Amino acid sequence: MKNGSRLAALSGVVVAGALALSACGSDANQTEAAANAPEAGSIDCAEGSVNAAGSSAQKNAVEEWSKAFAAACPGATLNYNPTGSGAGIQAFTEGQVSFAGSDSALDEEEKAAAQQRCEGSPALNLPMVVGPVAVAYNVEGVDSLKLDSPTLAKIFAGEVTKWNAPEIAEQNEGVTLPDTDIKPVYRSDESGTTDNFTDYLKATAGDVWKWEPAKKWPNDAGQGANGSDGVTQLVKSTAGSISYVEYSYAKNNSLNTVSVKNGAGEYTELTPESASKGVAGAKIVGTGNDVELEIDYTAKEAGAYPIVLVTYEVACEKGLPAEQAKFVKSFLTYTSSADGQKILTDIGYAPLPQAVLTKVQASVKALS
């Protein structure tokens, strides 16, 4: 099991002030929620309140989904606590929440604990959100920036320390770069975003990146911040900073983002369209109803943004109490529907590729 200290953030899941969402709210919010609500009769509505926790990357998506779901299913409330992927998985395996959000699929140790929690049935990795990872920065006077993965690796390893370093300048001809310190910011909590970003660096930066992919940031270059909100706020308030954070946070906070060099040799601006291209070639490596994906960060597809993650909803195939099982199936039926997926583009995410979505829909249908 992962470090039990992660549970500290879970105190008060039931009153998760972050995202205890129902049909209440302003008239504008109710109108928007109604517009995004699933079509009448398209899902079997559940009632009551269910707790979930995990990925902060999908917080904004869950917020919109929950409002729309509550508009269609009065009396249904999801309490989602965006504690981070690691803490969410632990809360799930210990029976504190009905499902978890995670930016990486369960590892073997987590699968065993989850199967025990699901009374002998497997827990399924169900991709639901494509959340591109932005490389966000705060450098006065620099509104556009291009970087390749070896340079990013050197920055986050503490080896490139000035914004006008030759490695950066040669990729940004015509850009006036200041002779100021680079201040990397990393996630201090265990995070699926960190797992995906370090996986990208390991796969693409060669010998420059010396560490294995992990949910915990592997070195002490720079300053840590807790959660996606913490990272975003630290970058906004720190001149010379650079970090990795989900695109929705960078977009909502008007942060500048790096155009990252992809496997085709193109410096690609991050957009929902370029992110979808980045995950289009992902392979389904899960078996049965499990939809674990393997992303190729070196894919050579033109226009593809290379640093993408998929957020999974981790749910028991069987084994939950009946009322919880019905709620989870009902909610995930909506999020994996065309109505649920179309919400994502406007709030800084990208929808699942159709081939993956079709498999997810079949797996959600099998939940009981």
Protein backbone atom coordinates (compact mmCIF):
# COMPACT_ATOMS: atom_id res chain seq x y z
CA MET A 1 0.00 0.00 0.00
CA LYS A 2 1.01 3.62 -0.48
CA ASN A 3 1.86 5.87 2.45
CA GLY A 4 -1.08 6.14 4.80
CA SER A 5 -0.42 9.84 5.31
CA ARG A 6 -2.30 10.50 2.10
CA LEU A 7 -5.51 9.83 4.01
CA ALA A 8 -5.07 13.07 5.91
CA ALA A 9 -6.46 14.92 2.93
CA LEU A 10 -9.55 12.74 2.95
CA SER A 11 -10.98 13.90 6.24
CA GLY A 12 -14.51 14.99 5.57
CA VAL A 13 -15.04 13.27 2.23
CA VAL A 14 -18.77 13.26 2.86
CA VAL A 15 -18.75 17.02 3.25
CA ALA A 16 -16.19 17.48 0.47
CA GLY A 17 -16.84 21.16 0.13
CA ALA A 18 -14.82 21.02 -3.06
CA LEU A 19 -17.47 19.26 -5.10
CA ALA A 20 -20.61 18.32 -3.23
CA LEU A 21 -22.85 18.98 -6.18
CA SER A 22 -26.55 18.75 -6.70
CA ALA A 23 -29.16 20.57 -8.74
CA CYS A 24 -28.99 23.69 -6.58
CA GLY A 25 -27.14 26.82 -7.66
CA SER A 26 -27.66 30.04 -9.56
CA ASP A 27 -30.20 30.35 -12.34
CA ALA A 28 -27.34 30.58 -14.86
CA ASN A 29 -25.77 27.40 -13.53
CA GLN A 30 -29.10 25.60 -13.61
CA THR A 31 -29.69 26.70 -17.21
CA GLU A 32 -26.22 25.51 -18.25
CA ALA A 33 -26.63 22.22 -16.39
CA ALA A 34 -29.99 21.61 -18.03
CA ALA A 35 -28.47 22.24 -21.46
CA ASN A 36 -25.75 19.66 -20.78
CA ALA A 37 -28.04 17.13 -19.13
CA PRO A 38 -28.45 13.68 -20.69
CA GLU A 39 -31.48 13.14 -22.88
CA ALA A 40 -34.57 11.93 -21.07
CA GLY A 41 -34.62 8.16 -20.82
CA SER A 42 -30.98 7.77 -21.93
CA ILE A 43 -29.87 6.63 -18.47
CA ASP A 44 -31.46 4.80 -15.57
CA CYS A 45 -31.36 7.53 -12.93
CA ALA A 46 -30.10 6.79 -9.46
CA GLU A 47 -30.99 8.55 -6.22
CA GLY A 48 -29.14 9.38 -3.04
CA SER A 49 -25.58 10.45 -2.34
CA VAL A 50 -22.34 8.71 -3.29
CA ASN A 51 -18.75 9.60 -2.34
CA ALA A 52 -15.81 9.46 -4.74
CA ALA A 53 -12.28 10.84 -4.62
CA GLY A 54 -9.04 11.04 -6.52
CA SER A 55 -7.61 12.81 -9.55
CA SER A 56 -7.54 16.58 -9.30
CA ALA A 57 -6.90 16.61 -13.06
CA GLN A 58 -10.55 15.80 -13.73
CA LYS A 59 -12.02 18.06 -11.06
CA ASN A 60 -13.45 20.55 -13.55
CA ALA A 61 -14.92 17.77 -15.69
CA VAL A 62 -16.56 16.07 -12.70
CA GLU A 63 -17.98 19.40 -11.60
CA GLU A 64 -19.74 19.93 -14.94
CA TRP A 65 -20.84 16.29 -15.20
CA SER A 66 -22.27 16.33 -11.70
CA LYS A 67 -24.33 19.46 -12.31
CA ALA A 68 -25.75 18.03 -15.54
CA PHE A 69 -26.40 14.62 -13.96
CA ALA A 70 -28.19 16.19 -11.00
CA ALA A 71 -30.33 18.25 -13.39
CA ALA A 72 -31.46 15.05 -15.11
CA CYS A 73 -31.71 12.97 -11.93
CA PRO A 74 -33.10 15.11 -9.09
CA GLY A 75 -32.02 13.78 -5.72
CA ALA A 76 -28.74 12.33 -7.02
CA THR A 77 -25.64 13.92 -5.48
CA LEU A 78 -22.00 13.02 -6.08
CA ASN A 79 -19.51 14.15 -3.42
CA TYR A 80 -16.19 14.19 -5.30
CA ASN A 81 -13.07 15.11 -3.35
CA PRO A 82 -10.11 15.92 -5.68
CA THR A 83 -7.42 14.69 -3.30
CA GLY A 84 -5.08 13.38 -6.01
CA SER A 85 -4.90 10.00 -7.71
CA GLY A 86 -2.87 8.20 -5.07
CA ALA A 87 -5.09 9.25 -2.18
CA GLY A 88 -8.21 8.45 -4.19
CA ILE A 89 -7.08 4.91 -4.97
CA GLN A 90 -6.24 4.32 -1.33
CA ALA A 91 -9.64 5.63 -0.24
CA PHE A 92 -11.27 3.29 -2.77
CA THR A 93 -9.33 0.18 -1.73
CA GLU A 94 -10.10 0.92 1.92
CA GLY A 95 -13.83 1.21 1.19
CA GLN A 96 -14.20 4.92 1.96
CA VAL A 97 -15.51 5.86 -1.49
CA SER A 98 -17.58 4.12 -4.16
CA PHE A 99 -15.19 4.83 -7.01
CA ALA A 100 -11.93 6.66 -7.58
CA GLY A 101 -10.48 8.92 -10.26
CA SER A 102 -6.88 8.18 -11.24
CA ASP A 103 -4.58 9.58 -13.90
CA SER A 104 -2.81 6.24 -14.18
CA ALA A 105 -4.16 2.71 -14.22
CA LEU A 106 -3.97 0.53 -11.13
CA ASP A 107 -0.61 -1.15 -10.58
CA GLU A 108 -0.38 -4.80 -9.51
CA GLU A 109 -0.37 -4.03 -5.79
CA GLU A 110 -3.36 -1.72 -6.16
CA LYS A 111 -5.22 -4.29 -8.29
CA ALA A 112 -4.91 -6.88 -5.53
CA ALA A 113 -6.16 -4.47 -2.86
CA ALA A 114 -8.99 -3.32 -5.12
CA GLN A 115 -10.11 -6.87 -5.86
CA GLN A 116 -10.35 -7.53 -2.14
CA ARG A 117 -12.38 -4.33 -1.72
CA CYS A 118 -14.68 -5.47 -4.58
CA GLU A 119 -15.37 -8.77 -2.77
CA GLY A 120 -13.35 -10.82 -5.23
CA SER A 121 -14.42 -9.08 -8.43
CA PRO A 122 -11.88 -7.02 -10.38
CA ALA A 123 -11.79 -3.26 -10.26
CA LEU A 124 -11.96 -1.84 -13.77
CA ASN A 125 -9.87 0.98 -15.21
CA LEU A 126 -12.38 2.99 -17.25
CA PRO A 127 -10.86 5.91 -19.22
CA MET A 128 -13.20 8.88 -19.17
CA VAL A 129 -11.22 12.08 -19.74
CA VAL A 130 -8.35 13.00 -22.05
CA GLY A 131 -6.48 15.60 -20.01
CA PRO A 132 -3.50 17.02 -21.86
CA VAL A 133 -0.63 18.03 -19.60
CA ALA A 134 0.37 21.63 -20.22
CA VAL A 135 3.88 22.87 -19.56
CA ALA A 136 2.92 26.22 -18.08
CA TYR A 137 5.35 29.05 -17.44
CA ASN A 138 5.53 32.59 -16.10
CA VAL A 139 8.24 34.64 -17.82
CA GLU A 140 7.60 38.34 -18.31
CA GLY A 141 7.68 39.38 -21.94
CA VAL A 142 7.78 35.83 -23.28
CA ASP A 143 4.37 35.00 -24.73
CA SER A 144 5.43 31.98 -26.79
CA LEU A 145 8.01 29.31 -26.11
CA LYS A 146 9.14 26.14 -27.87
CA LEU A 147 10.87 23.26 -26.08
CA ASP A 148 11.80 19.65 -26.83
CA SER A 149 11.75 16.84 -24.30
CA PRO A 150 15.54 16.73 -23.58
CA THR A 151 15.44 20.42 -22.68
CA LEU A 152 12.37 19.93 -20.49
CA ALA A 153 14.15 17.04 -18.78
CA LYS A 154 17.20 19.21 -18.09
CA ILE A 155 15.04 21.99 -16.70
CA PHE A 156 13.16 19.67 -14.33
CA ALA A 157 16.39 17.93 -13.34
CA GLY A 158 17.91 21.27 -12.36
CA GLU A 159 20.57 21.13 -15.08
CA VAL A 160 19.35 24.08 -17.18
CA THR A 161 18.90 26.95 -14.77
CA LYS A 162 18.66 30.19 -16.82
CA TRP A 163 15.90 31.22 -19.21
CA ASN A 164 18.43 32.35 -21.81
CA ALA A 165 20.41 29.10 -21.69
CA PRO A 166 21.67 27.98 -25.13
CA GLU A 167 19.43 24.89 -25.08
CA ILE A 168 16.37 27.15 -24.87
CA ALA A 169 17.61 30.00 -27.06
CA GLU A 170 18.42 27.79 -30.05
CA GLN A 171 14.81 26.57 -30.15
CA ASN A 172 13.37 30.09 -29.86
CA GLU A 173 15.02 32.22 -32.50
CA GLY A 174 13.79 35.81 -32.39
CA VAL A 175 12.48 35.54 -28.81
CA THR A 176 14.14 37.78 -26.22
CA LEU A 177 14.86 35.51 -23.28
CA PRO A 178 15.84 37.04 -19.92
CA ASP A 179 19.00 36.19 -18.01
CA THR A 180 16.96 35.10 -15.01
CA ASP A 181 16.66 31.94 -12.95
CA ILE A 182 14.33 29.13 -13.95
CA LYS A 183 12.15 28.08 -11.03
CA PRO A 184 10.66 24.61 -11.59
CA VAL A 185 7.47 23.73 -9.73
CA TYR A 186 6.41 20.12 -9.14
CA ARG A 187 3.55 18.30 -7.42
CA SER A 188 4.43 17.59 -3.79
CA ASP A 189 1.64 15.03 -3.36
CA GLU A 190 1.43 11.66 -5.10
CA SER A 191 -0.10 12.39 -8.46
CA GLY A 192 -1.09 10.60 -11.62
CA THR A 193 -0.13 13.77 -13.48
CA THR A 194 3.42 13.39 -12.16
CA ASP A 195 3.34 9.71 -13.14
CA ASN A 196 2.38 10.61 -16.71
CA PHE A 197 4.81 13.53 -17.02
CA THR A 198 7.77 11.49 -15.75
CA ASP A 199 6.69 8.64 -18.03
CA TYR A 200 6.81 11.07 -20.96
CA LEU A 201 10.28 12.32 -19.98
CA LYS A 202 11.60 8.78 -19.54
CA ALA A 203 10.21 7.70 -22.92
CA THR A 204 11.39 10.70 -24.94
CA ALA A 205 14.38 12.41 -23.30
CA GLY A 206 16.87 9.56 -23.53
CA ASP A 207 19.64 9.46 -20.93
CA VAL A 208 18.93 13.02 -19.84
CA TRP A 209 16.10 11.87 -17.54
CA LYS A 210 17.55 9.45 -14.98
CA TRP A 211 14.46 8.57 -12.97
CA GLU A 212 11.73 5.98 -13.45
CA PRO A 213 8.09 7.07 -13.86
CA ALA A 214 6.36 7.46 -10.49
CA LYS A 215 3.46 9.23 -8.81
CA LYS A 216 5.92 10.90 -6.42
CA TRP A 217 8.20 13.59 -7.88
CA PRO A 218 11.70 12.05 -7.90
CA ASN A 219 14.09 14.95 -7.21
CA ASP A 220 14.37 18.19 -5.28
CA ALA A 221 14.97 20.57 -8.19
CA GLY A 222 12.58 23.45 -7.64
CA GLN A 223 9.62 23.85 -5.29
CA GLY A 224 6.70 21.55 -4.59
CA ALA A 225 3.03 22.48 -4.42
CA ASN A 226 0.04 20.39 -3.39
CA GLY A 227 -2.56 19.51 -6.01
CA SER A 228 -3.25 21.04 -9.39
CA ASP A 229 -4.69 24.18 -7.79
CA GLY A 230 -1.54 24.61 -5.70
CA VAL A 231 0.74 24.23 -8.72
CA THR A 232 -1.33 26.69 -10.75
CA GLN A 233 -1.34 29.34 -8.05
CA LEU A 234 2.41 28.99 -7.42
CA VAL A 235 3.19 29.43 -11.13
CA LYS A 236 0.90 32.47 -11.35
CA SER A 237 2.59 34.12 -8.38
CA THR A 238 6.22 33.21 -9.15
CA ALA A 239 8.16 35.04 -11.86
CA GLY A 240 10.44 32.68 -13.77
CA SER A 241 8.49 29.57 -12.87
CA ILE A 242 7.64 26.56 -15.02
CA SER A 243 5.58 23.49 -14.23
CA TYR A 244 3.40 20.70 -15.58
CA VAL A 245 -0.34 20.89 -14.94
CA GLU A 246 -3.54 19.79 -16.62
CA TYR A 247 -4.55 22.01 -19.52
CA SER A 248 -7.88 22.95 -17.97
CA TYR A 249 -6.07 24.61 -15.04
CA ALA A 250 -3.63 26.45 -17.32
CA LYS A 251 -6.47 27.59 -19.58
CA ASN A 252 -8.78 28.70 -16.78
CA ASN A 253 -5.94 30.71 -15.19
CA SER A 254 -4.67 32.24 -18.46
CA LEU A 255 -1.17 30.77 -18.09
CA ASN A 256 1.19 30.68 -21.05
CA THR A 257 1.97 27.17 -22.26
CA VAL A 258 4.91 25.68 -24.14
CA SER A 259 4.63 24.35 -27.69
CA VAL A 260 6.24 20.93 -27.25
CA LYS A 261 8.18 19.10 -29.96
CA ASN A 262 6.44 15.84 -30.92
CA GLY A 263 7.65 12.63 -32.51
CA ALA A 264 7.13 14.09 -35.98
CA GLY A 265 9.57 16.90 -35.18
CA GLU A 266 6.87 19.57 -34.91
CA TYR A 267 6.50 22.09 -32.11
CA THR A 268 2.83 21.64 -31.33
CA GLU A 269 0.56 24.10 -29.58
CA LEU A 270 -1.70 22.52 -27.00
CA THR A 271 -5.36 22.48 -28.03
CA PRO A 272 -8.17 19.95 -27.50
CA GLU A 273 -7.69 18.89 -31.13
CA SER A 274 -3.92 18.33 -30.85
CA ALA A 275 -4.46 16.45 -27.57
CA SER A 276 -7.00 14.12 -29.16
CA LYS A 277 -4.48 13.35 -31.89
CA GLY A 278 -1.93 12.60 -29.18
CA VAL A 279 -4.08 9.86 -27.65
CA ALA A 280 -5.63 8.53 -30.87
CA GLY A 281 -2.95 5.86 -31.24
CA ALA A 282 -3.25 4.54 -27.68
CA LYS A 283 -3.49 0.77 -27.35
CA ILE A 284 -5.97 -1.00 -25.09
CA VAL A 285 -3.84 -3.31 -22.94
CA GLY A 286 -6.48 -4.22 -20.35
CA THR A 287 -8.25 -7.56 -20.54
CA GLY A 288 -11.93 -8.42 -20.26
CA ASN A 289 -13.87 -5.29 -19.32
CA ASP A 290 -10.74 -3.49 -18.13
CA VAL A 291 -9.80 -0.64 -20.50
CA GLU A 292 -6.27 0.23 -19.40
CA LEU A 293 -4.48 2.17 -22.15
CA GLU A 294 -0.87 2.41 -23.26
CA ILE A 295 0.02 5.80 -24.75
CA ASP A 296 2.86 6.19 -27.24
CA TYR A 297 4.56 9.48 -26.35
CA THR A 298 6.83 9.17 -29.39
CA ALA A 299 4.02 8.86 -31.95
CA LYS A 300 4.77 10.61 -35.24
CA GLU A 301 1.24 11.69 -36.10
CA ALA A 302 1.25 15.21 -37.56
CA GLY A 303 -0.28 17.83 -35.30
CA ALA A 304 -0.30 15.61 -32.21
CA TYR A 305 0.49 17.13 -28.82
CA PRO A 306 2.72 14.55 -27.11
CA ILE A 307 2.09 14.98 -23.35
CA VAL A 308 -1.35 13.57 -22.73
CA LEU A 309 -2.89 11.65 -19.89
CA VAL A 310 -6.11 9.75 -19.56
CA THR A 311 -8.05 9.92 -16.33
CA TYR A 312 -9.65 6.62 -15.35
CA GLU A 313 -12.68 6.04 -13.18
CA VAL A 314 -11.74 3.01 -11.08
CA ALA A 315 -14.88 1.05 -10.24
CA CYS A 316 -15.82 -2.43 -9.04
CA GLU A 317 -17.15 -4.63 -11.82
CA LYS A 318 -19.26 -6.23 -9.08
CA GLY A 319 -19.22 -6.20 -5.29
CA LEU A 320 -20.61 -2.79 -4.27
CA PRO A 321 -23.80 -2.50 -2.22
CA ALA A 322 -26.77 -2.37 -4.58
CA GLU A 323 -27.61 1.33 -4.19
CA GLN A 324 -23.99 2.40 -4.67
CA ALA A 325 -23.58 0.09 -7.66
CA LYS A 326 -26.67 1.55 -9.34
CA PHE A 327 -25.46 5.12 -8.76
CA VAL A 328 -21.96 4.44 -10.09
CA LYS A 329 -23.30 2.69 -13.19
CA SER A 330 -25.85 5.43 -13.81
CA PHE A 331 -23.31 8.25 -13.44
CA LEU A 332 -20.64 6.57 -15.60
CA THR A 333 -23.25 5.73 -18.24
CA TYR A 334 -23.80 9.48 -18.55
CA THR A 335 -20.11 10.50 -18.48
CA SER A 336 -19.28 7.99 -21.23
CA SER A 337 -22.23 9.04 -23.40
CA ALA A 338 -22.07 11.47 -26.30
CA ASP A 339 -23.74 14.07 -24.08
CA GLY A 340 -21.15 13.61 -21.34
CA GLN A 341 -18.16 13.68 -23.67
CA LYS A 342 -19.22 16.78 -25.60
CA ILE A 343 -18.89 18.89 -22.44
CA LEU A 344 -15.14 18.29 -22.25
CA THR A 345 -13.81 20.39 -25.12
CA ASP A 346 -15.17 23.68 -23.78
CA ILE A 347 -13.53 23.27 -20.36
CA GLY A 348 -9.96 22.39 -21.31
CA TYR A 349 -10.17 18.65 -21.93
CA ALA A 350 -10.55 16.45 -24.99
CA PRO A 351 -13.09 13.67 -25.60
CA LEU A 352 -12.06 10.03 -25.82
CA PRO A 353 -11.32 8.66 -29.29
CA GLN A 354 -14.38 6.80 -30.58
CA ALA A 355 -12.74 3.37 -30.60
CA VAL A 356 -11.82 3.72 -26.91
CA LEU A 357 -15.19 5.23 -26.01
CA THR A 358 -17.10 2.32 -27.55
CA LYS A 359 -15.14 -0.13 -25.38
CA VAL A 360 -15.69 1.99 -22.27
CA GLN A 361 -19.43 2.15 -22.89
CA ALA A 362 -19.60 -1.65 -23.15
CA SER A 363 -17.61 -2.04 -19.91
CA VAL A 364 -19.84 0.41 -18.03
CA LYS A 365 -22.88 -1.53 -19.23
CA ALA A 366 -21.37 -4.65 -17.62
CA LEU A 367 -21.15 -3.07 -14.15
CA SER A 368 -23.51 -4.62 -11.63
